[in-house]
Amino acid sequence: KICSRSGNEEQFKDMVKRCNNVGVRIYVDAV
């Protein structure tokens, strides 16, 4: 589940969307 002390899934989606919209790409540390 996307849910950590950094935030929940909706907040994660919002960050990814805002970053992609200004050309900043996100990669995830996959454990």
Full PDB file with SEQRES, HELIX, SHEET, SSBOND, CRYST1, ORIGX, SCALE, CONECT and MASTER records, all heavy atoms in Angstrom:
SEQRES   1 A   31  LYS ILE CYS SER ARG SER GLY ASN GLU GLU GLN PHE LYS          
SEQRES   2 A   31  ASP MET VAL LYS ARG CYS ASN ASN VAL GLY VAL ARG ILE          
SEQRES   3 A   31  TYR VAL ASP ALA VAL                                          
HELIX    1 AA1 GLU A    9  ASN A   21  1                                  13    
SHEET    1 AA1 2 CYS A   3  SER A   4  0                                        
SHEET    2 AA1 2 GLY A   7  ASN A   8 -1                                        
CRYST1    1.000    1.000    1.000  90.00  90.00  90.00 P 1           1          
ORIGX1      1.000000  0.000000  0.000000        0.00000                         
ORIGX2      0.000000  1.000000  0.000000        0.00000                         
ORIGX3      0.000000  0.000000  1.000000        0.00000                         
SCALE1      1.000000  0.000000  0.000000        0.00000                         
SCALE2      0.000000  1.000000  0.000000        0.00000                         
SCALE3      0.000000  0.000000  1.000000        0.00000                         
ATOM      1  N   LYS A   1       0.852  -1.195   0.000  1.00  0.00           N  
ATOM      2  CA  LYS A   1       0.000   0.000   0.000  1.00  0.00           C  
ATOM      3  C   LYS A   1       0.888   1.246   0.000  1.00  0.00           C  
ATOM      4  O   LYS A   1       1.938   1.265   0.654  1.00  0.00           O  
ATOM      5  CB  LYS A   1      -0.889   0.017   1.240  1.00  0.00           C  
ATOM      6  CG  LYS A   1      -1.901  -1.115   1.322  1.00  0.00           C  
ATOM      7  CD  LYS A   1      -2.679  -1.024   2.632  1.00  0.00           C  
ATOM      8  CE  LYS A   1      -3.668  -2.166   2.770  1.00  0.00           C  
ATOM      9  NZ  LYS A   1      -4.399  -2.112   4.068  1.00  0.00           N  
ATOM     10  N   ILE A   2       0.464   2.290  -0.703  1.00  0.00           N  
ATOM     11  CA  ILE A   2       1.227   3.544  -0.726  1.00  0.00           C  
ATOM     12  C   ILE A   2       0.805   4.351   0.491  1.00  0.00           C  
ATOM     13  O   ILE A   2      -0.212   5.046   0.486  1.00  0.00           O  
ATOM     14  CB  ILE A   2       0.971   4.346  -2.036  1.00  0.00           C  
ATOM     15  CG1 ILE A   2       1.149   3.448  -3.253  1.00  0.00           C  
ATOM     16  CG2 ILE A   2       1.897   5.551  -2.102  1.00  0.00           C  
ATOM     17  CD1 ILE A   2       2.505   2.790  -3.360  1.00  0.00           C  
ATOM     18  N   CYS A   3       1.610   4.210   1.547  1.00  0.00           N  
ATOM     19  CA  CYS A   3       1.209   4.782   2.827  1.00  0.00           C  
ATOM     20  C   CYS A   3       2.416   4.720   3.748  1.00  0.00           C  
ATOM     21  O   CYS A   3       2.751   3.663   4.264  1.00  0.00           O  
ATOM     22  CB  CYS A   3       0.049   3.960   3.391  1.00  0.00           C  
ATOM     23  SG  CYS A   3      -0.549   4.488   4.992  1.00  0.00           S  
ATOM     24  N   SER A   4       3.082   5.864   3.942  1.00  0.00           N  
ATOM     25  CA  SER A   4       4.290   5.913   4.770  1.00  0.00           C  
ATOM     26  C   SER A   4       4.271   7.208   5.564  1.00  0.00           C  
ATOM     27  O   SER A   4       3.335   7.988   5.463  1.00  0.00           O  
ATOM     28  CB  SER A   4       5.539   5.859   3.883  1.00  0.00           C  
ATOM     29  OG  SER A   4       5.669   7.076   3.162  1.00  0.00           O  
ATOM     30  N   ARG A   5       5.335   7.446   6.331  1.00  0.00           N  
ATOM     31  CA  ARG A   5       5.355   8.710   7.069  1.00  0.00           C  
ATOM     32  C   ARG A   5       5.532   9.896   6.137  1.00  0.00           C  
ATOM     33  O   ARG A   5       5.402  11.043   6.548  1.00  0.00           O  
ATOM     34  CB  ARG A   5       6.424   8.698   8.150  1.00  0.00           C  
ATOM     35  CG  ARG A   5       7.857   8.658   7.673  1.00  0.00           C  
ATOM     36  CD  ARG A   5       8.784   8.821   8.877  1.00  0.00           C  
ATOM     37  NE  ARG A   5      10.127   8.343   8.630  1.00  0.00           N  
ATOM     38  CZ  ARG A   5      10.968   7.965   9.596  1.00  0.00           C  
ATOM     39  NH1 ARG A   5      10.596   8.017  10.847  1.00  0.00           N  
ATOM     40  NH2 ARG A   5      12.169   7.548   9.306  1.00  0.00           N  
ATOM     41  N   SER A   6       5.823   9.641   4.869  1.00  0.00           N  
ATOM     42  CA  SER A   6       5.894  10.733   3.895  1.00  0.00           C  
ATOM     43  C   SER A   6       4.517  11.151   3.404  1.00  0.00           C  
ATOM     44  O   SER A   6       4.379  12.212   2.806  1.00  0.00           O  
ATOM     45  CB  SER A   6       6.740  10.305   2.688  1.00  0.00           C  
ATOM     46  OG  SER A   6       8.081  10.132   3.050  1.00  0.00           O  
ATOM     47  N   GLY A   7       3.504  10.293   3.586  1.00  0.00           N  
ATOM     48  CA  GLY A   7       2.174  10.658   3.128  1.00  0.00           C  
ATOM     49  C   GLY A   7       1.412   9.457   2.609  1.00  0.00           C  
ATOM     50  O   GLY A   7       1.923   8.339   2.574  1.00  0.00           O  
ATOM     51  N   ASN A   8       0.165   9.705   2.188  1.00  0.00           N  
ATOM     52  CA  ASN A   8      -0.695   8.630   1.693  1.00  0.00           C  
ATOM     53  C   ASN A   8      -0.690   8.589   0.166  1.00  0.00           C  
ATOM     54  O   ASN A   8       0.023   9.347  -0.494  1.00  0.00           O  
ATOM     55  CB  ASN A   8      -2.117   8.786   2.238  1.00  0.00           C  
ATOM     56  CG  ASN A   8      -2.748  10.114   1.815  1.00  0.00           C  
ATOM     57  OD1 ASN A   8      -2.449  10.673   0.763  1.00  0.00           O  
ATOM     58  ND2 ASN A   8      -3.634  10.634   2.672  1.00  0.00           N  
ATOM     59  N   GLU A   9      -1.487   7.697  -0.399  1.00  0.00           N  
ATOM     60  CA  GLU A   9      -1.459   7.504  -1.852  1.00  0.00           C  
ATOM     61  C   GLU A   9      -1.905   8.752  -2.609  1.00  0.00           C  
ATOM     62  O   GLU A   9      -1.322   9.090  -3.649  1.00  0.00           O  
ATOM     63  CB  GLU A   9      -2.334   6.318  -2.256  1.00  0.00           C  
ATOM     64  CG  GLU A   9      -2.310   6.075  -3.760  1.00  0.00           C  
ATOM     65  CD  GLU A   9      -2.803   4.695  -4.163  1.00  0.00           C  
ATOM     66  OE1 GLU A   9      -2.739   3.756  -3.355  1.00  0.00           O  
ATOM     67  OE2 GLU A   9      -3.243   4.579  -5.319  1.00  0.00           O  
ATOM     68  N   GLU A  10      -2.897   9.441  -2.116  1.00  0.00           N  
ATOM     69  CA  GLU A  10      -3.355  10.642  -2.818  1.00  0.00           C  
ATOM     70  C   GLU A  10      -2.265  11.712  -2.835  1.00  0.00           C  
ATOM     71  O   GLU A  10      -2.075  12.409  -3.839  1.00  0.00           O  
ATOM     72  CB  GLU A  10      -4.634  11.178  -2.174  1.00  0.00           C  
ATOM     73  CG  GLU A  10      -5.853  10.314  -2.442  1.00  0.00           C  
ATOM     74  CD  GLU A  10      -6.054  10.033  -3.929  1.00  0.00           C  
ATOM     75  OE1 GLU A  10      -6.075  11.007  -4.712  1.00  0.00           O  
ATOM     76  OE2 GLU A  10      -6.177   8.850  -4.308  1.00  0.00           O  
ATOM     77  N   GLN A  11      -1.557  11.864  -1.729  1.00  0.00           N  
ATOM     78  CA  GLN A  11      -0.462  12.836  -1.679  1.00  0.00           C  
ATOM     79  C   GLN A  11       0.687  12.417  -2.597  1.00  0.00           C  
ATOM     80  O   GLN A  11       1.302  13.261  -3.249  1.00  0.00           O  
ATOM     81  CB  GLN A  11       0.019  12.987  -0.235  1.00  0.00           C  
ATOM     82  CG  GLN A  11      -0.990  13.671   0.669  1.00  0.00           C  
ATOM     83  CD  GLN A  11      -0.600  13.581   2.131  1.00  0.00           C  
ATOM     84  OE1 GLN A  11      -0.203  12.521   2.619  1.00  0.00           O  
ATOM     85  NE2 GLN A  11      -0.720  14.695   2.849  1.00  0.00           N  
ATOM     86  N   PHE A  12       0.956  11.112  -2.666  1.00  0.00           N  
ATOM     87  CA  PHE A  12       1.992  10.611  -3.571  1.00  0.00           C  
ATOM     88  C   PHE A  12       1.608  10.894  -5.021  1.00  0.00           C  
ATOM     89  O   PHE A  12       2.425  11.382  -5.819  1.00  0.00           O  
ATOM     90  CB  PHE A  12       2.194   9.111  -3.350  1.00  0.00           C  
ATOM     91  CG  PHE A  12       3.288   8.515  -4.204  1.00  0.00           C  
ATOM     92  CD1 PHE A  12       4.617   8.595  -3.818  1.00  0.00           C  
ATOM     93  CD2 PHE A  12       2.981   7.888  -5.404  1.00  0.00           C  
ATOM     94  CE1 PHE A  12       5.619   8.062  -4.610  1.00  0.00           C  
ATOM     95  CE2 PHE A  12       3.975   7.348  -6.204  1.00  0.00           C  
ATOM     96  CZ  PHE A  12       5.293   7.432  -5.807  1.00  0.00           C  
ATOM     97  N   LYS A  13       0.363  10.601  -5.370  1.00  0.00           N  
ATOM     98  CA  LYS A  13      -0.105  10.869  -6.739  1.00  0.00           C  
ATOM     99  C   LYS A  13       0.021  12.345  -7.083  1.00  0.00           C  
ATOM    100  O   LYS A  13       0.432  12.714  -8.195  1.00  0.00           O  
ATOM    101  CB  LYS A  13      -1.562  10.431  -6.894  1.00  0.00           C  
ATOM    102  CG  LYS A  13      -1.773   8.934  -6.963  1.00  0.00           C  
ATOM    103  CD  LYS A  13      -3.271   8.617  -7.081  1.00  0.00           C  
ATOM    104  CE  LYS A  13      -3.507   7.123  -7.252  1.00  0.00           C  
ATOM    105  NZ  LYS A  13      -4.966   6.812  -7.298  1.00  0.00           N  
ATOM    106  N   ASP A  14      -0.333  13.197  -6.136  1.00  0.00           N  
ATOM    107  CA  ASP A  14      -0.263  14.643  -6.357  1.00  0.00           C  
ATOM    108  C   ASP A  14       1.181  15.081  -6.606  1.00  0.00           C  
ATOM    109  O   ASP A  14       1.446  15.884  -7.510  1.00  0.00           O  
ATOM    110  CB  ASP A  14      -0.852  15.374  -5.150  1.00  0.00           C  
ATOM    111  CG  ASP A  14      -0.770  16.882  -5.294  1.00  0.00           C  
ATOM    112  OD1 ASP A  14      -1.401  17.430  -6.218  1.00  0.00           O  
ATOM    113  OD2 ASP A  14      -0.043  17.513  -4.497  1.00  0.00           O  
ATOM    114  N   MET A  15       2.109  14.546  -5.814  1.00  0.00           N  
ATOM    115  CA  MET A  15       3.524  14.893  -6.005  1.00  0.00           C  
ATOM    116  C   MET A  15       4.009  14.458  -7.377  1.00  0.00           C  
ATOM    117  O   MET A  15       4.657  15.235  -8.104  1.00  0.00           O  
ATOM    118  CB  MET A  15       4.375  14.234  -4.922  1.00  0.00           C  
ATOM    119  CG  MET A  15       5.874  14.473  -5.097  1.00  0.00           C  
ATOM    120  SD  MET A  15       6.908  13.421  -4.044  1.00  0.00           S  
ATOM    121  CE  MET A  15       6.639  11.814  -4.802  1.00  0.00           C  
ATOM    122  N   VAL A  16       3.712  13.205  -7.756  1.00  0.00           N  
ATOM    123  CA  VAL A  16       4.174  12.688  -9.052  1.00  0.00           C  
ATOM    124  C   VAL A  16       3.597  13.519 -10.196  1.00  0.00           C  
ATOM    125  O   VAL A  16       4.310  13.876 -11.142  1.00  0.00           O  
ATOM    126  CB  VAL A  16       3.803  11.201  -9.199  1.00  0.00           C  
ATOM    127  CG1 VAL A  16       4.123  10.699 -10.606  1.00  0.00           C  
ATOM    128  CG2 VAL A  16       4.540  10.354  -8.166  1.00  0.00           C  
ATOM    129  N   LYS A  17       2.330  13.854 -10.097  1.00  0.00           N  
ATOM    130  CA  LYS A  17       1.689  14.651 -11.144  1.00  0.00           C  
ATOM    131  C   LYS A  17       2.328  16.031 -11.268  1.00  0.00           C  
ATOM    132  O   LYS A  17       2.669  16.482 -12.366  1.00  0.00           O  
ATOM    133  CB  LYS A  17       0.188  14.783 -10.856  1.00  0.00           C  
ATOM    134  CG  LYS A  17      -0.563  15.621 -11.876  1.00  0.00           C  
ATOM    135  CD  LYS A  17      -2.051  15.715 -11.512  1.00  0.00           C  
ATOM    136  CE  LYS A  17      -2.808  16.571 -12.520  1.00  0.00           C  
ATOM    137  NZ  LYS A  17      -4.255  16.675 -12.159  1.00  0.00           N  
ATOM    138  N   ARG A  18       2.512  16.704 -10.121  1.00  0.00           N  
ATOM    139  CA  ARG A  18       3.089  18.047 -10.153  1.00  0.00           C  
ATOM    140  C   ARG A  18       4.520  18.020 -10.675  1.00  0.00           C  
ATOM    141  O   ARG A  18       4.927  18.906 -11.439  1.00  0.00           O  
ATOM    142  CB  ARG A  18       3.032  18.683  -8.762  1.00  0.00           C  
ATOM    143  CG  ARG A  18       1.632  19.110  -8.354  1.00  0.00           C  
ATOM    144  CD  ARG A  18       1.598  19.854  -7.029  1.00  0.00           C  
ATOM    145  NE  ARG A  18       1.984  19.006  -5.912  1.00  0.00           N  
ATOM    146  CZ  ARG A  18       3.072  19.188  -5.172  1.00  0.00           C  
ATOM    147  NH1 ARG A  18       3.901  20.195  -5.437  1.00  0.00           N  
ATOM    148  NH2 ARG A  18       3.352  18.377  -4.171  1.00  0.00           N  
ATOM    149  N   CYS A  19       5.282  17.009 -10.270  1.00  0.00           N  
ATOM    150  CA  CYS A  19       6.667  16.911 -10.749  1.00  0.00           C  
ATOM    151  C   CYS A  19       6.713  16.631 -12.246  1.00  0.00           C  
ATOM    152  O   CYS A  19       7.438  17.297 -12.998  1.00  0.00           O  
ATOM    153  CB  CYS A  19       7.410  15.819  -9.978  1.00  0.00           C  
ATOM    154  SG  CYS A  19       7.805  16.272  -8.282  1.00  0.00           S  
ATOM    155  N   ASN A  20       5.925  15.650 -12.703  1.00  0.00           N  
ATOM    156  CA  ASN A  20       5.922  15.338 -14.132  1.00  0.00           C  
ATOM    157  C   ASN A  20       5.493  16.533 -14.980  1.00  0.00           C  
ATOM    158  O   ASN A  20       6.021  16.753 -16.079  1.00  0.00           O  
ATOM    159  CB  ASN A  20       4.991  14.153 -14.412  1.00  0.00           C  
ATOM    160  CG  ASN A  20       5.670  12.810 -14.196  1.00  0.00           C  
ATOM    161  OD1 ASN A  20       6.876  12.683 -14.394  1.00  0.00           O  
ATOM    162  ND2 ASN A  20       4.905  11.810 -13.811  1.00  0.00           N  
ATOM    163  N   ASN A  21       4.552  17.318 -14.467  1.00  0.00           N  
ATOM    164  CA  ASN A  21       4.047  18.456 -15.239  1.00  0.00           C  
ATOM    165  C   ASN A  21       5.098  19.535 -15.454  1.00  0.00           C  
ATOM    166  O   ASN A  21       4.965  20.355 -16.366  1.00  0.00           O  
ATOM    167  CB  ASN A  21       2.815  19.049 -14.553  1.00  0.00           C  
ATOM    168  CG  ASN A  21       1.572  18.192 -14.749  1.00  0.00           C  
ATOM    169  OD1 ASN A  21       1.540  17.308 -15.610  1.00  0.00           O  
ATOM    170  ND2 ASN A  21       0.544  18.454 -13.949  1.00  0.00           N  
ATOM    171  N   VAL A  22       6.141  19.561 -14.609  1.00  0.00           N  
ATOM    172  CA  VAL A  22       7.216  20.540 -14.805  1.00  0.00           C  
ATOM    173  C   VAL A  22       8.513  19.860 -15.235  1.00  0.00           C  
ATOM    174  O   VAL A  22       9.597  20.439 -15.133  1.00  0.00           O  
ATOM    175  CB  VAL A  22       7.444  21.397 -13.536  1.00  0.00           C  
ATOM    176  CG1 VAL A  22       6.232  22.275 -13.271  1.00  0.00           C  
ATOM    177  CG2 VAL A  22       7.768  20.535 -12.316  1.00  0.00           C  
ATOM    178  N   GLY A  23       8.403  18.614 -15.730  1.00  0.00           N  
ATOM    179  CA  GLY A  23       9.565  17.946 -16.305  1.00  0.00           C  
ATOM    180  C   GLY A  23      10.500  17.296 -15.314  1.00  0.00           C  
ATOM    181  O   GLY A  23      11.638  16.966 -15.656  1.00  0.00           O  
ATOM    182  N   VAL A  24      10.057  17.111 -14.063  1.00  0.00           N  
ATOM    183  CA  VAL A  24      10.871  16.412 -13.061  1.00  0.00           C  
ATOM    184  C   VAL A  24      10.337  14.991 -12.934  1.00  0.00           C  
ATOM    185  O   VAL A  24       9.175  14.794 -12.572  1.00  0.00           O  
ATOM    186  CB  VAL A  24      10.824  17.125 -11.693  1.00  0.00           C  
ATOM    187  CG1 VAL A  24      11.597  16.325 -10.638  1.00  0.00           C  
ATOM    188  CG2 VAL A  24      11.385  18.527 -11.811  1.00  0.00           C  
ATOM    189  N   ARG A  25      11.166  14.006 -13.264  1.00  0.00           N  
ATOM    190  CA  ARG A  25      10.745  12.605 -13.247  1.00  0.00           C  
ATOM    191  C   ARG A  25      11.039  11.978 -11.888  1.00  0.00           C  
ATOM    192  O   ARG A  25      12.054  12.276 -11.259  1.00  0.00           O  
ATOM    193  CB  ARG A  25      11.460  11.826 -14.347  1.00  0.00           C  
ATOM    194  CG  ARG A  25      11.324  12.423 -15.747  1.00  0.00           C  
ATOM    195  CD  ARG A  25       9.878  12.705 -16.111  1.00  0.00           C  
ATOM    196  NE  ARG A  25       9.727  13.185 -17.476  1.00  0.00           N  
ATOM    197  CZ  ARG A  25       8.708  13.925 -17.884  1.00  0.00           C  
ATOM    198  NH1 ARG A  25       7.766  14.305 -17.021  1.00  0.00           N  
ATOM    199  NH2 ARG A  25       8.619  14.302 -19.142  1.00  0.00           N  
ATOM    200  N   ILE A  26      10.169  11.072 -11.470  1.00  0.00           N  
ATOM    201  CA  ILE A  26      10.273  10.423 -10.165  1.00  0.00           C  
ATOM    202  C   ILE A  26      10.667   8.957 -10.343  1.00  0.00           C  
ATOM    203  O   ILE A  26      10.060   8.238 -11.141  1.00  0.00           O  
ATOM    204  CB  ILE A  26       8.927  10.480  -9.410  1.00  0.00           C  
ATOM    205  CG1 ILE A  26       8.489  11.935  -9.172  1.00  0.00           C  
ATOM    206  CG2 ILE A  26       9.001   9.709  -8.091  1.00  0.00           C  
ATOM    207  CD1 ILE A  26       9.357  12.705  -8.217  1.00  0.00           C  
ATOM    208  N   TYR A  27      11.686   8.508  -9.610  1.00  0.00           N  
ATOM    209  CA  TYR A  27      11.886   7.072  -9.495  1.00  0.00           C  
ATOM    210  C   TYR A  27      11.784   6.683  -8.029  1.00  0.00           C  
ATOM    211  O   TYR A  27      12.026   7.486  -7.127  1.00  0.00           O  
ATOM    212  CB  TYR A  27      13.191   6.605 -10.147  1.00  0.00           C  
ATOM    213  CG  TYR A  27      14.453   6.945  -9.409  1.00  0.00           C  
ATOM    214  CD1 TYR A  27      14.905   6.146  -8.364  1.00  0.00           C  
ATOM    215  CD2 TYR A  27      15.215   8.055  -9.758  1.00  0.00           C  
ATOM    216  CE1 TYR A  27      16.073   6.456  -7.677  1.00  0.00           C  
ATOM    217  CE2 TYR A  27      16.380   8.371  -9.082  1.00  0.00           C  
ATOM    218  CZ  TYR A  27      16.794   7.560  -8.042  1.00  0.00           C  
ATOM    219  OH  TYR A  27      17.945   7.871  -7.361  1.00  0.00           O  
ATOM    220  N   VAL A  28      11.406   5.431  -7.807  1.00  0.00           N  
ATOM    221  CA  VAL A  28      11.049   4.938  -6.477  1.00  0.00           C  
ATOM    222  C   VAL A  28      12.073   3.906  -6.014  1.00  0.00           C  
ATOM    223  O   VAL A  28      12.501   3.052  -6.782  1.00  0.00           O  
ATOM    224  CB  VAL A  28       9.627   4.325  -6.509  1.00  0.00           C  
ATOM    225  CG1 VAL A  28       9.385   3.427  -5.302  1.00  0.00           C  
ATOM    226  CG2 VAL A  28       8.577   5.424  -6.567  1.00  0.00           C  
ATOM    227  N   ASP A  29      12.436   3.994  -4.752  1.00  0.00           N  
ATOM    228  CA  ASP A  29      13.279   2.984  -4.112  1.00  0.00           C  
ATOM    229  C   ASP A  29      12.384   1.770  -3.825  1.00  0.00           C  
ATOM    230  O   ASP A  29      11.518   1.823  -2.943  1.00  0.00           O  
ATOM    231  CB  ASP A  29      13.860   3.571  -2.818  1.00  0.00           C  
ATOM    232  CG  ASP A  29      15.046   2.786  -2.297  1.00  0.00           C  
ATOM    233  OD1 ASP A  29      15.291   1.678  -2.789  1.00  0.00           O  
ATOM    234  OD2 ASP A  29      15.722   3.305  -1.381  1.00  0.00           O  
ATOM    235  N   ALA A  30      12.570   0.694  -4.588  1.00  0.00           N  
ATOM    236  CA  ALA A  30      11.691  -0.477  -4.502  1.00  0.00           C  
ATOM    237  C   ALA A  30      12.319  -1.540  -3.606  1.00  0.00           C  
ATOM    238  O   ALA A  30      13.350  -2.118  -3.938  1.00  0.00           O  
ATOM    239  CB  ALA A  30      11.438  -1.043  -5.891  1.00  0.00           C  
ATOM    240  N   VAL A  31      11.690  -1.785  -2.455  1.00  0.00           N  
ATOM    241  CA  VAL A  31      12.176  -2.784  -1.497  1.00  0.00           C  
ATOM    242  C   VAL A  31      11.343  -4.047  -1.704  1.00  0.00           C  
ATOM    243  O   VAL A  31      10.241  -4.176  -1.163  1.00  0.00           O  
ATOM    244  CB  VAL A  31      12.065  -2.274  -0.052  1.00  0.00           C  
ATOM    245  CG1 VAL A  31      12.682  -3.275   0.915  1.00  0.00           C  
ATOM    246  CG2 VAL A  31      12.750  -0.918   0.076  1.00  0.00           C  
TER     247      VAL A  31                                                      
MASTER        0    0    0    1    2    0    0    6  246    1    0    3          
END                                                                             
